PDB file of N, CA and C in Angstrom:
ATOM      1  N   UNK A   1     135.695 -33.268  37.535  1.00  0.00           N
ATOM      2  CA  UNK A   1     136.657 -34.169  38.148  1.00  0.00           C
ATOM      3  C   UNK A   1     136.048 -35.114  39.075  1.00  0.00           C
ATOM      4  N   UNK A   2     136.445 -36.361  39.054  1.00  0.00           N
ATOM      5  CA  UNK A   2     135.984 -37.422  39.951  1.00  0.00           C
ATOM      6  C   UNK A   2     136.485 -37.188  41.368  1.00  0.00           C
ATOM      7  N   UNK A   3     135.800 -37.696  42.340  1.00  0.00           N
ATOM      8  CA  UNK A   3     136.207 -37.627  43.757  1.00  0.00           C
ATOM      9  C   UNK A   3     137.485 -38.449  43.932  1.00  0.00           C
ATOM     10  N   UNK A   4     138.454 -37.838  44.553  1.00  0.00           N
ATOM     11  CA  UNK A   4     139.696 -38.544  44.830  1.00  0.00           C
ATOM     12  C   UNK A   4     139.414 -39.651  45.883  1.00  0.00           C
ATOM     13  N   UNK A   5     139.864 -40.820  45.628  1.00  0.00           N
ATOM     14  CA  UNK A   5     139.677 -41.942  46.490  1.00  0.00           C
ATOM     15  C   UNK A   5     140.715 -41.827  47.663  1.00  0.00           C
ATOM     16  N   UNK A   6     140.254 -41.786  48.868  1.00  0.00           N
ATOM     17  CA  UNK A   6     141.126 -41.633  50.023  1.00  0.00           C
ATOM     18  C   UNK A   6     141.851 -43.001  50.269  1.00  0.00           C
ATOM     19  N   UNK A   7     143.030 -42.859  50.807  1.00  0.00           N
ATOM     20  CA  UNK A   7     143.847 -44.020  51.124  1.00  0.00           C
ATOM     21  C   UNK A   7     143.348 -44.699  52.420  1.00  0.00           C
ATOM     22  N   UNK A   8     143.641 -45.943  52.573  1.00  0.00           N
ATOM     23  CA  UNK A   8     143.343 -46.664  53.721  1.00  0.00           C
ATOM     24  C   UNK A   8     144.594 -46.863  54.643  1.00  0.00           C
ATOM     25  N   UNK A   9     145.714 -46.167  54.264  1.00  0.00           N
ATOM     26  CA  UNK A   9     146.954 -46.307  55.011  1.00  0.00           C
ATOM     27  C   UNK A   9     147.282 -44.868  55.545  1.00  0.00           C
ATOM     28  N   UNK A  10     147.334 -44.792  56.914  1.00  0.00           N
ATOM     29  CA  UNK A  10     147.559 -43.528  57.569  1.00  0.00           C
ATOM     30  C   UNK A  10     148.622 -43.671  58.600  1.00  0.00           C
ATOM     31  N   UNK A  11     149.103 -42.622  59.128  1.00  0.00           N
ATOM     32  CA  UNK A  11     150.005 -42.563  60.302  1.00  0.00           C
ATOM     33  C   UNK A  11     149.352 -41.692  61.359  1.00  0.00           C
ATOM     34  N   UNK A  12     149.270 -42.130  62.565  1.00  0.00           N
ATOM     35  CA  UNK A  12     148.811 -41.325  63.676  1.00  0.00           C
ATOM     36  C   UNK A  12     150.042 -40.944  64.540  1.00  0.00           C
ATOM     37  N   UNK A  13     150.169 -39.629  64.758  1.00  0.00           N
ATOM     38  CA  UNK A  13     151.174 -39.112  65.645  1.00  0.00           C
ATOM     39  C   UNK A  13     150.440 -38.658  66.876  1.00  0.00           C
ATOM     40  N   UNK A  14     150.863 -39.292  68.048  1.00  0.00           N
ATOM     41  CA  UNK A  14     150.270 -38.918  69.301  1.00  0.00           C
ATOM     42  C   UNK A  14     151.363 -38.331  70.249  1.00  0.00           C
ATOM     43  N   UNK A  15     150.808 -37.654  71.267  1.00  0.00           N
ATOM     44  CA  UNK A  15     151.777 -37.074  72.203  1.00  0.00           C
ATOM     45  C   UNK A  15     152.486 -38.166  73.000  1.00  0.00           C
ATOM     46  N   UNK A  16     153.579 -37.803  73.618  1.00  0.00           N
ATOM     47  CA  UNK A  16     154.330 -38.826  74.452  1.00  0.00           C
ATOM     48  C   UNK A  16     153.379 -39.521  75.375  1.00  0.00           C
ATOM     49  N   UNK A  17     153.562 -40.839  75.580  1.00  0.00           N
ATOM     50  CA  UNK A  17     152.773 -41.547  76.480  1.00  0.00           C
ATOM     51  C   UNK A  17     151.486 -42.222  75.839  1.00  0.00           C
ATOM     52  N   UNK A  18     151.247 -41.923  74.630  1.00  0.00           N
ATOM     53  CA  UNK A  18     150.134 -42.454  73.909  1.00  0.00           C
ATOM     54  C   UNK A  18     150.426 -43.946  73.651  1.00  0.00           C
ATOM     55  N   UNK A  19     149.527 -44.810  74.090  1.00  0.00           N
ATOM     56  CA  UNK A  19     149.651 -46.295  73.897  1.00  0.00           C
ATOM     57  C   UNK A  19     148.365 -46.873  73.326  1.00  0.00           C
ATOM     58  N   UNK A  20     148.369 -48.082  72.867  1.00  0.00           N
ATOM     59  CA  UNK A  20     147.204 -48.699  72.356  1.00  0.00           C
ATOM     60  C   UNK A  20     146.105 -48.793  73.462  1.00  0.00           C
ATOM     61  N   UNK A  21     146.554 -49.024  74.721  1.00  0.00           N
ATOM     62  CA  UNK A  21     145.599 -49.043  75.858  1.00  0.00           C
ATOM     63  C   UNK A  21     144.927 -47.607  76.019  1.00  0.00           C
ATOM     64  N   UNK A  22     145.721 -46.585  75.924  1.00  0.00           N
ATOM     65  CA  UNK A  22     145.100 -45.231  76.014  1.00  0.00           C
ATOM     66  C   UNK A  22     144.142 -44.903  74.870  1.00  0.00           C
ATOM     67  N   UNK A  23     144.511 -45.321  73.651  1.00  0.00           N
ATOM     68  CA  UNK A  23     143.574 -45.131  72.560  1.00  0.00           C
ATOM     69  C   UNK A  23     142.302 -45.892  72.692  1.00  0.00           C
ATOM     70  N   UNK A  24     142.423 -47.157  73.207  1.00  0.00           N
ATOM     71  CA  UNK A  24     141.242 -47.992  73.445  1.00  0.00           C
ATOM     72  C   UNK A  24     140.302 -47.277  74.482  1.00  0.00           C
ATOM     73  N   UNK A  25     140.936 -46.712  75.499  1.00  0.00           N
ATOM     74  CA  UNK A  25     140.201 -46.028  76.538  1.00  0.00           C
ATOM     75  C   UNK A  25     139.466 -44.830  75.997  1.00  0.00           C
ATOM     76  N   UNK A  26     140.055 -44.148  75.024  1.00  0.00           N
ATOM     77  CA  UNK A  26     139.356 -43.024  74.403  1.00  0.00           C
ATOM     78  C   UNK A  26     138.091 -43.391  73.741  1.00  0.00           C
ATOM     79  N   UNK A  27     138.016 -44.666  73.150  1.00  0.00           N
ATOM     80  CA  UNK A  27     136.877 -45.072  72.346  1.00  0.00           C
ATOM     81  C   UNK A  27     135.877 -45.977  73.198  1.00  0.00           C
ATOM     82  N   UNK A  28     136.239 -46.346  74.447  1.00  0.00           N
ATOM     83  CA  UNK A  28     135.372 -47.143  75.198  1.00  0.00           C
ATOM     84  C   UNK A  28     133.947 -46.551  75.366  1.00  0.00           C
ATOM     85  N   UNK A  29     132.978 -47.435  75.319  1.00  0.00           N
ATOM     86  CA  UNK A  29     131.585 -46.954  75.550  1.00  0.00           C
ATOM     87  C   UNK A  29     131.008 -46.200  74.349  1.00  0.00           C
ATOM     88  N   UNK A  30     131.648 -46.277  73.194  1.00  0.00           N
ATOM     89  CA  UNK A  30     131.176 -45.465  72.041  1.00  0.00           C
ATOM     90  C   UNK A  30     130.688 -46.413  70.914  1.00  0.00           C
ATOM     91  N   UNK A  31     130.443 -47.714  71.281  1.00  0.00           N
ATOM     92  CA  UNK A  31     129.818 -48.606  70.300  1.00  0.00           C
ATOM     93  C   UNK A  31     130.832 -49.359  69.403  1.00  0.00           C
ATOM     94  N   UNK A  32     132.128 -49.264  69.731  1.00  0.00           N
ATOM     95  CA  UNK A  32     133.090 -49.984  68.870  1.00  0.00           C
ATOM     96  C   UNK A  32     133.553 -51.222  69.667  1.00  0.00           C
ATOM     97  N   UNK A  33     133.886 -52.211  68.887  1.00  0.00           N
ATOM     98  CA  UNK A  33     134.439 -53.448  69.473  1.00  0.00           C
ATOM     99  C   UNK A  33     135.942 -53.229  69.529  1.00  0.00           C
ATOM    100  N   UNK A  34     136.485 -53.308  70.699  1.00  0.00           N
ATOM    101  CA  UNK A  34     137.913 -52.950  70.862  1.00  0.00           C
ATOM    102  C   UNK A  34     138.713 -54.163  71.338  1.00  0.00           C
ATOM    103  N   UNK A  35     139.778 -54.473  70.713  1.00  0.00           N
ATOM    104  CA  UNK A  35     140.728 -55.482  71.120  1.00  0.00           C
ATOM    105  C   UNK A  35     142.110 -54.967  71.007  1.00  0.00           C
ATOM    106  N   UNK A  36     142.909 -55.091  72.110  1.00  0.00           N
ATOM    107  CA  UNK A  36     144.253 -54.661  71.956  1.00  0.00           C
ATOM    108  C   UNK A  36     145.200 -55.617  72.633  1.00  0.00           C
ATOM    109  N   UNK A  37     146.371 -55.593  72.094  1.00  0.00           N
ATOM    110  CA  UNK A  37     147.466 -56.449  72.599  1.00  0.00           C
ATOM    111  C   UNK A  37     148.634 -55.479  72.977  1.00  0.00           C
ATOM    112  N   UNK A  38     148.699 -55.221  74.211  1.00  0.00           N
ATOM    113  CA  UNK A  38     149.659 -54.222  74.681  1.00  0.00           C
ATOM    114  C   UNK A  38     151.086 -54.531  74.378  1.00  0.00           C
ATOM    115  N   UNK A  39     151.509 -55.755  74.600  1.00  0.00           N
ATOM    116  CA  UNK A  39     152.946 -56.157  74.334  1.00  0.00           C
ATOM    117  C   UNK A  39     153.256 -55.968  72.842  1.00  0.00           C
ATOM    118  N   UNK A  40     152.299 -56.271  72.018  1.00  0.00           N
ATOM    119  CA  UNK A  40     152.545 -56.140  70.565  1.00  0.00           C
ATOM    120  C   UNK A  40     152.263 -54.775  70.038  1.00  0.00           C
ATOM    121  N   UNK A  41     151.689 -53.870  70.886  1.00  0.00           N
ATOM    122  CA  UNK A  41     151.381 -52.495  70.422  1.00  0.00           C
ATOM    123  C   UNK A  41     150.322 -52.480  69.371  1.00  0.00           C
ATOM    124  N   UNK A  42     149.342 -53.387  69.433  1.00  0.00           N
ATOM    125  CA  UNK A  42     148.334 -53.373  68.371  1.00  0.00           C
ATOM    126  C   UNK A  42     146.918 -53.168  68.990  1.00  0.00           C
ATOM    127  N   UNK A  43     146.123 -52.333  68.296  1.00  0.00           N
ATOM    128  CA  UNK A  43     144.719 -52.075  68.653  1.00  0.00           C
ATOM    129  C   UNK A  43     143.926 -52.325  67.392  1.00  0.00           C
ATOM    130  N   UNK A  44     142.800 -53.130  67.632  1.00  0.00           N
ATOM    131  CA  UNK A  44     141.873 -53.382  66.524  1.00  0.00           C
ATOM    132  C   UNK A  44     140.567 -52.766  66.933  1.00  0.00           C
ATOM    133  N   UNK A  45     140.053 -51.818  66.130  1.00  0.00           N
ATOM    134  CA  UNK A  45     138.719 -51.129  66.411  1.00  0.00           C
ATOM    135  C   UNK A  45     137.757 -51.698  65.420  1.00  0.00           C
ATOM    136  N   UNK A  46     136.779 -52.446  65.927  1.00  0.00           N
ATOM    137  CA  UNK A  46     135.744 -52.999  65.034  1.00  0.00           C
ATOM    138  C   UNK A  46     134.521 -52.061  64.943  1.00  0.00           C
ATOM    139  N   UNK A  47     134.244 -51.717  63.693  1.00  0.00           N
ATOM    140  CA  UNK A  47     133.050 -50.907  63.418  1.00  0.00           C
ATOM    141  C   UNK A  47     131.938 -51.779  62.897  1.00  0.00           C
ATOM    142  N   UNK A  48     130.873 -51.191  62.433  1.00  0.00           N
ATOM    143  CA  UNK A  48     129.789 -51.935  61.862  1.00  0.00           C
ATOM    144  C   UNK A  48     130.179 -52.785  60.662  1.00  0.00           C
ATOM    145  N   UNK A  49     129.445 -53.840  60.487  1.00  0.00           N
ATOM    146  CA  UNK A  49     129.645 -54.718  59.290  1.00  0.00           C
ATOM    147  C   UNK A  49     130.967 -55.436  59.206  1.00  0.00           C
ATOM    148  N   UNK A  50     131.597 -55.598  60.351  1.00  0.00           N
ATOM    149  CA  UNK A  50     132.860 -56.336  60.449  1.00  0.00           C
ATOM    150  C   UNK A  50     134.071 -55.552  59.918  1.00  0.00           C
ATOM    151  N   UNK A  51     133.958 -54.283  59.709  1.00  0.00           N
ATOM    152  CA  UNK A  51     135.059 -53.467  59.188  1.00  0.00           C
ATOM    153  C   UNK A  51     135.940 -53.122  60.474  1.00  0.00           C
ATOM    154  N   UNK A  52     137.238 -53.191  60.271  1.00  0.00           N
ATOM    155  CA  UNK A  52     138.134 -52.832  61.347  1.00  0.00           C
ATOM    156  C   UNK A  52     139.114 -51.748  60.920  1.00  0.00           C
ATOM    157  N   UNK A  53     139.571 -50.997  61.951  1.00  0.00           N
ATOM    158  CA  UNK A  53     140.688 -50.082  61.790  1.00  0.00           C
ATOM    159  C   UNK A  53     141.709 -50.630  62.682  1.00  0.00           C
ATOM    160  N   UNK A  54     143.003 -50.824  62.193  1.00  0.00           N
ATOM    161  CA  UNK A  54     144.037 -51.350  62.958  1.00  0.00           C
ATOM    162  C   UNK A  54     145.135 -50.275  63.251  1.00  0.00           C
ATOM    163  N   UNK A  55     145.522 -50.219  64.504  1.00  0.00           N
ATOM    164  CA  UNK A  55     146.584 -49.324  64.945  1.00  0.00           C
ATOM    165  C   UNK A  55     147.763 -50.188  65.371  1.00  0.00           C
ATOM    166  N   UNK A  56     148.942 -49.838  64.922  1.00  0.00           N
ATOM    167  CA  UNK A  56     150.136 -50.569  65.298  1.00  0.00           C
ATOM    168  C   UNK A  56     151.216 -49.646  65.618  1.00  0.00           C
ATOM    169  N   UNK A  57     151.685 -49.699  66.942  1.00  0.00           N
ATOM    170  CA  UNK A  57     152.789 -48.870  67.381  1.00  0.00           C
ATOM    171  C   UNK A  57     154.025 -49.116  66.546  1.00  0.00           C
ATOM    172  N   UNK A  58     154.713 -48.108  66.187  1.00  0.00           N
ATOM    173  CA  UNK A  58     155.932 -48.265  65.413  1.00  0.00           C
ATOM    174  C   UNK A  58     156.950 -47.191  65.762  1.00  0.00           C
ATOM    175  N   UNK A  59     158.108 -47.269  65.215  1.00  0.00           N
ATOM    176  CA  UNK A  59     159.155 -46.286  65.450  1.00  0.00           C
ATOM    177  C   UNK A  59     159.496 -45.683  64.109  1.00  0.00           C
ATOM    178  N   UNK A  60     159.859 -44.413  64.146  1.00  0.00           N
ATOM    179  CA  UNK A  60     160.296 -43.748  62.900  1.00  0.00           C
ATOM    180  C   UNK A  60     161.698 -44.243  62.537  1.00  0.00           C
ATOM    181  N   UNK A  61     161.824 -44.711  61.297  1.00  0.00           N
ATOM    182  CA  UNK A  61     163.128 -45.194  60.894  1.00  0.00           C
ATOM    183  C   UNK A  61     164.134 -44.064  60.968  1.00  0.00           C
ATOM    184  N   UNK A  62     165.337 -44.323  61.555  1.00  0.00           N
ATOM    185  CA  UNK A  62     166.383 -43.304  61.754  1.00  0.00           C
ATOM    186  C   UNK A  62     166.707 -42.460  60.502  1.00  0.00           C
ATOM    187  N   UNK A  63     166.548 -43.093  59.302  1.00  0.00           N
ATOM    188  CA  UNK A  63     166.891 -42.305  58.104  1.00  0.00           C
ATOM    189  C   UNK A  63     165.691 -41.591  57.530  1.00  0.00           C
ATOM    190  N   UNK A  64     164.516 -41.699  58.137  1.00  0.00           N
ATOM    191  CA  UNK A  64     163.319 -41.045  57.614  1.00  0.00           C
ATOM    192  C   UNK A  64     163.140 -39.675  58.207  1.00  0.00           C
ATOM    193  N   UNK A  65     163.900 -38.767  57.712  1.00  0.00           N
ATOM    194  CA  UNK A  65     163.976 -37.408  58.249  1.00  0.00           C
ATOM    195  C   UNK A  65     162.708 -36.628  58.059  1.00  0.00           C
ATOM    196  N   UNK A  66     161.992 -36.918  56.976  1.00  0.00           N
ATOM    197  CA  UNK A  66     160.706 -36.192  56.739  1.00  0.00           C
ATOM    198  C   UNK A  66     159.675 -36.512  57.818  1.00  0.00           C
ATOM    199  N   UNK A  67     159.460 -37.800  58.122  1.00  0.00           N
ATOM    200  CA  UNK A  67     158.482 -38.243  59.118  1.00  0.00           C
ATOM    201  C   UNK A  67     158.972 -37.751  60.471  1.00  0.00           C
ATOM    202  N   UNK A  68     160.265 -37.838  60.766  1.00  0.00           N
ATOM    203  CA  UNK A  68     160.781 -37.382  62.112  1.00  0.00           C
ATOM    204  C   UNK A  68     160.561 -35.930  62.266  1.00  0.00           C
ATOM    205  N   UNK A  69     160.762 -35.114  61.202  1.00  0.00           N
ATOM    206  CA  UNK A  69     160.585 -33.624  61.219  1.00  0.00           C
ATOM    207  C   UNK A  69     159.107 -33.305  61.493  1.00  0.00           C
ATOM    208  N   UNK A  70     158.166 -34.092  60.776  1.00  0.00           N
ATOM    209  CA  UNK A  70     156.799 -33.862  60.930  1.00  0.00           C
ATOM    210  C   UNK A  70     156.362 -34.162  62.362  1.00  0.00           C
ATOM    211  N   UNK A  71     156.834 -35.284  62.958  1.00  0.00           N
ATOM    212  CA  UNK A  71     156.486 -35.579  64.395  1.00  0.00           C
ATOM    213  C   UNK A  71     156.999 -34.471  65.257  1.00  0.00           C
ATOM    214  N   UNK A  72     158.223 -34.059  65.079  1.00  0.00           N
ATOM    215  CA  UNK A  72     158.865 -33.017  65.926  1.00  0.00           C
ATOM    216  C   UNK A  72     158.052 -31.661  65.843  1.00  0.00           C
ATOM    217  N   UNK A  73     157.746 -31.339  64.569  1.00  0.00           N
ATOM    218  CA  UNK A  73     157.016 -30.037  64.301  1.00  0.00           C
ATOM    219  C   UNK A  73     155.542 -30.008  64.953  1.00  0.00           C
ATOM    220  N   UNK A  74     155.028 -31.215  65.125  1.00  0.00           N
ATOM    221  CA  UNK A  74     153.662 -31.297  65.688  1.00  0.00           C
ATOM    222  C   UNK A  74     153.707 -31.682  67.156  1.00  0.00           C
ATOM    223  N   UNK A  75     154.889 -31.719  67.774  1.00  0.00           N
ATOM    224  CA  UNK A  75     155.037 -32.027  69.175  1.00  0.00           C
ATOM    225  C   UNK A  75     154.615 -33.474  69.585  1.00  0.00           C
ATOM    226  N   UNK A  76     154.775 -34.412  68.634  1.00  0.00           N
ATOM    227  CA  UNK A  76     154.381 -35.782  68.878  1.00  0.00           C
ATOM    228  C   UNK A  76     155.532 -36.740  68.948  1.00  0.00           C
ATOM    229  N   UNK A  77     155.428 -37.705  69.898  1.00  0.00           N
ATOM    230  CA  UNK A  77     156.498 -38.699  70.036  1.00  0.00           C
ATOM    231  C   UNK A  77     156.009 -40.122  69.730  1.00  0.00           C
ATOM    232  N   UNK A  78     154.743 -40.426  69.929  1.00  0.00           N
ATOM    233  CA  UNK A  78     154.196 -41.793  69.676  1.00  0.00           C
ATOM    234  C   UNK A  78     153.765 -41.786  68.225  1.00  0.00           C
ATOM    235  N   UNK A  79     154.108 -42.924  67.554  1.00  0.00           N
ATOM    236  CA  UNK A  79     153.749 -43.113  66.136  1.00  0.00           C
ATOM    237  C   UNK A  79     153.088 -44.429  65.942  1.00  0.00           C
ATOM    238  N   UNK A  80     151.911 -44.375  65.175  1.00  0.00           N
ATOM    239  CA  UNK A  80     151.142 -45.632  64.906  1.00  0.00           C
ATOM    240  C   UNK A  80     150.900 -45.713  63.395  1.00  0.00           C
ATOM    241  N   UNK A  81     151.025 -46.931  62.827  1.00  0.00           N
ATOM    242  CA  UNK A  81     150.561 -47.142  61.474  1.00  0.00           C
ATOM    243  C   UNK A  81     149.046 -47.477  61.595  1.00  0.00           C
ATOM    244  N   UNK A  82     148.240 -46.889  60.811  1.00  0.00           N
ATOM    245  CA  UNK A  82     146.803 -47.040  60.829  1.00  0.00           C
ATOM    246  C   UNK A  82     146.370 -47.590  59.507  1.00  0.00           C
ATOM    247  N   UNK A  83     145.676 -48.684  59.487  1.00  0.00           N
ATOM    248  CA  UNK A  83     145.107 -49.264  58.231  1.00  0.00           C
ATOM    249  C   UNK A  83     143.672 -49.615  58.355  1.00  0.00           C
ATOM    250  N   UNK A  84     142.999 -49.465  57.273  1.00  0.00           N
ATOM    251  CA  UNK A  84     141.531 -49.825  57.135  1.00  0.00           C
ATOM    252  C   UNK A  84     141.224 -49.946  55.689  1.00  0.00           C
ATOM    253  N   UNK A  85     140.086 -50.666  55.319  1.00  0.00           N
ATOM    254  CA  UNK A  85     139.759 -50.688  53.883  1.00  0.00           C
ATOM    255  C   UNK A  85     139.425 -49.282  53.360  1.00  0.00           C
ATOM    256  N   UNK A  86     140.041 -48.853  52.285  1.00  0.00           N
ATOM    257  CA  UNK A  86     139.906 -47.418  51.824  1.00  0.00           C
ATOM    258  C   UNK A  86     138.454 -47.024  51.504  1.00  0.00           C
ATOM    259  N   UNK A  87     137.660 -48.073  51.121  1.00  0.00           N
ATOM    260  CA  UNK A  87     136.264 -47.693  50.818  1.00  0.00           C
ATOM    261  C   UNK A  87     135.442 -47.422  52.079  1.00  0.00           C
ATOM    262  N   UNK A  88     136.012 -47.543  53.246  1.00  0.00           N
ATOM    263  CA  UNK A  88     135.327 -47.217  54.461  1.00  0.00           C
ATOM    264  C   UNK A  88     136.020 -45.997  55.126  1.00  0.00           C
ATOM    265  N   UNK A  89     136.584 -45.103  54.272  1.00  0.00           N
ATOM    266  CA  UNK A  89     137.254 -43.968  54.788  1.00  0.00           C
ATOM    267  C   UNK A  89     136.350 -43.039  55.641  1.00  0.00           C
ATOM    268  N   UNK A  90     135.141 -42.822  55.240  1.00  0.00           N
ATOM    269  CA  UNK A  90     134.232 -41.930  55.976  1.00  0.00           C
ATOM    270  C   UNK A  90     133.959 -42.394  57.380  1.00  0.00           C
ATOM    271  N   UNK A  91     133.752 -43.761  57.514  1.00  0.00           N
ATOM    272  CA  UNK A  91     133.609 -44.358  58.869  1.00  0.00           C
ATOM    273  C   UNK A  91     134.864 -44.201  59.629  1.00  0.00           C
ATOM    274  N   UNK A  92     135.971 -44.549  59.026  1.00  0.00           N
ATOM    275  CA  UNK A  92     137.259 -44.437  59.709  1.00  0.00           C
ATOM    276  C   UNK A  92     137.582 -43.046  60.173  1.00  0.00           C
ATOM    277  N   UNK A  93     137.229 -42.093  59.328  1.00  0.00           N
ATOM    278  CA  UNK A  93     137.419 -40.681  59.645  1.00  0.00           C
ATOM    279  C   UNK A  93     136.702 -40.291  60.923  1.00  0.00           C
ATOM    280  N   UNK A  94     135.514 -40.798  61.091  1.00  0.00           N
ATOM    281  CA  UNK A  94     134.727 -40.506  62.365  1.00  0.00           C
ATOM    282  C   UNK A  94     135.512 -40.939  63.590  1.00  0.00           C
ATOM    283  N   UNK A  95     136.095 -42.149  63.473  1.00  0.00           N
ATOM    284  CA  UNK A  95     136.876 -42.754  64.553  1.00  0.00           C
ATOM    285  C   UNK A  95     138.099 -41.853  64.753  1.00  0.00           C
ATOM    286  N   UNK A  96     138.798 -41.478  63.683  1.00  0.00           N
ATOM    287  CA  UNK A  96     140.033 -40.686  63.832  1.00  0.00           C
ATOM    288  C   UNK A  96     139.642 -39.334  64.503  1.00  0.00           C
ATOM    289  N   UNK A  97     138.570 -38.746  64.095  1.00  0.00           N
ATOM    290  CA  UNK A  97     138.172 -37.453  64.774  1.00  0.00           C
ATOM    291  C   UNK A  97     137.934 -37.590  66.260  1.00  0.00           C
ATOM    292  N   UNK A  98     137.306 -38.714  66.628  1.00  0.00           N
ATOM    293  CA  UNK A  98     137.057 -38.935  68.074  1.00  0.00           C
ATOM    294  C   UNK A  98     138.359 -39.013  68.778  1.00  0.00           C
ATOM    295  N   UNK A  99     139.331 -39.742  68.206  1.00  0.00           N
ATOM    296  CA  UNK A  99     140.662 -39.857  68.841  1.00  0.00           C
ATOM    297  C   UNK A  99     141.323 -38.426  68.957  1.00  0.00           C
ATOM    298  N   UNK A 100     141.234 -37.667  67.908  1.00  0.00           N
ATOM    299  CA  UNK A 100     141.816 -36.345  67.880  1.00  0.00           C
ATOM    300  C   UNK A 100     141.217 -35.464  68.996  1.00  0.00           C
ATOM    301  N   UNK A 101     139.852 -35.564  69.084  1.00  0.00           N
ATOM    302  CA  UNK A 101     139.112 -34.770  70.054  1.00  0.00           C
ATOM    303  C   UNK A 101     139.631 -35.027  71.463  1.00  0.00           C
ATOM    304  N   UNK A 102     139.747 -36.298  71.794  1.00  0.00           N
ATOM    305  CA  UNK A 102     140.124 -36.709  73.189  1.00  0.00           C
ATOM    306  C   UNK A 102     141.523 -36.872  73.471  1.00  0.00           C
ATOM    307  N   UNK A 103     142.351 -37.184  72.459  1.00  0.00           N
ATOM    308  CA  UNK A 103     143.772 -37.447  72.711  1.00  0.00           C
ATOM    309  C   UNK A 103     144.753 -36.480  71.970  1.00  0.00           C
ATOM    310  N   UNK A 104     144.168 -35.596  71.087  1.00  0.00           N
ATOM    311  CA  UNK A 104     145.069 -34.753  70.358  1.00  0.00           C
ATOM    312  C   UNK A 104     145.893 -35.473  69.316  1.00  0.00           C
ATOM    313  N   UNK A 105     146.932 -34.897  68.880  1.00  0.00           N
ATOM    314  CA  UNK A 105     147.757 -35.503  67.837  1.00  0.00           C
ATOM    315  C   UNK A 105     147.369 -35.129  66.455  1.00  0.00           C
ATOM    316  N   UNK A 106     147.822 -35.888  65.500  1.00  0.00           N
ATOM    317  CA  UNK A 106     147.682 -35.605  64.076  1.00  0.00           C
ATOM    318  C   UNK A 106     147.623 -36.891  63.330  1.00  0.00           C
ATOM    319  N   UNK A 107     146.665 -36.991  62.390  1.00  0.00           N
ATOM    320  CA  UNK A 107     146.650 -38.101  61.445  1.00  0.00           C
ATOM    321  C   UNK A 107     147.063 -37.598  60.082  1.00  0.00           C
ATOM    322  N   UNK A 108     147.937 -38.341  59.365  1.00  0.00           N
ATOM    323  CA  UNK A 108     148.215 -37.997  57.935  1.00  0.00           C
ATOM    324  C   UNK A 108     148.311 -39.190  57.157  1.00  0.00           C
ATOM    325  N   UNK A 109     148.032 -39.019  55.881  1.00  0.00           N
ATOM    326  CA  UNK A 109     148.168 -40.181  54.953  1.00  0.00           C
ATOM    327  C   UNK A 109     149.565 -40.681  54.917  1.00  0.00           C
ATOM    328  N   UNK A 110     149.720 -41.980  54.743  1.00  0.00           N
ATOM    329  CA  UNK A 110     151.020 -42.595  54.660  1.00  0.00           C
ATOM    330  C   UNK A 110     151.503 -42.592  53.214  1.00  0.00           C
ATOM    331  N   UNK A 111     151.913 -41.382  52.806  1.00  0.00           N
ATOM    332  CA  UNK A 111     152.417 -41.203  51.416  1.00  0.00           C
ATOM    333  C   UNK A 111     153.506 -40.133  51.501  1.00  0.00           C
ATOM    334  N   UNK A 112     154.146 -39.890  50.355  1.00  0.00           N
ATOM    335  CA  UNK A 112     155.277 -38.929  50.325  1.00  0.00           C
ATOM    336  C   UNK A 112     154.918 -37.555  50.718  1.00  0.00           C
ATOM    337  N   UNK A 113     153.675 -37.048  50.403  1.00  0.00           N
ATOM    338  CA  UNK A 113     153.293 -35.734  50.703  1.00  0.00           C
ATOM    339  C   UNK A 113     152.681 -35.648  52.127  1.00  0.00           C
ATOM    340  N   UNK A 114     152.412 -36.816  52.702  1.00  0.00           N
ATOM    341  CA  UNK A 114     151.757 -36.851  54.076  1.00  0.00           C
ATOM    342  C   UNK A 114     150.433 -36.137  54.041  1.00  0.00           C
ATOM    343  N   UNK A 115     149.740 -36.109  52.875  1.00  0.00           N
ATOM    344  CA  UNK A 115     148.454 -35.363  52.823  1.00  0.00           C
ATOM    345  C   UNK A 115     147.430 -36.403  52.370  1.00  0.00           C
ATOM    346  N   UNK A 116     146.192 -36.256  52.779  1.00  0.00           N
ATOM    347  CA  UNK A 116     145.643 -35.165  53.628  1.00  0.00           C
ATOM    348  C   UNK A 116     146.030 -35.369  55.098  1.00  0.00           C
ATOM    349  N   UNK A 117     145.839 -34.272  55.852  1.00  0.00           N
ATOM    350  CA  UNK A 117     146.170 -34.234  57.284  1.00  0.00           C
ATOM    351  C   UNK A 117     144.902 -33.936  58.046  1.00  0.00           C
ATOM    352  N   UNK A 118     144.664 -34.683  59.123  1.00  0.00           N
ATOM    353  CA  UNK A 118     143.553 -34.431  59.979  1.00  0.00           C
ATOM    354  C   UNK A 118     144.082 -34.013  61.339  1.00  0.00           C
ATOM    355  N   UNK A 119     143.561 -32.855  61.784  1.00  0.00           N
ATOM    356  CA  UNK A 119     144.049 -32.302  63.161  1.00  0.00           C
ATOM    357  C   UNK A 119     142.853 -32.271  64.082  1.00  0.00           C
TER     358      UNK A 119
END
């Protein structure tokens, strides 16, 4: 079987009070180029070779009971859409793991099964 190609579309569930400023602070001094727009709720993390990971604060749609239940079950209130070029999954995964180490929360693929999950 061939290796499954990972998606470049994820959701980050953070604890209450998680903002793009807080996420940028977690990654400061680690060699990433960080730009954030607090009012817009957007964080751009520049990695090597001009590749970026984008975080965008969002709200769970009131009718999206699956996502709301996942957030509740994981004790998370802040929700971010996370996008990056799928071919750079391994690099992005390193960034996601650093955020998890320092800020907690859960990353899951933005698909119906919400898998894979990174904790």
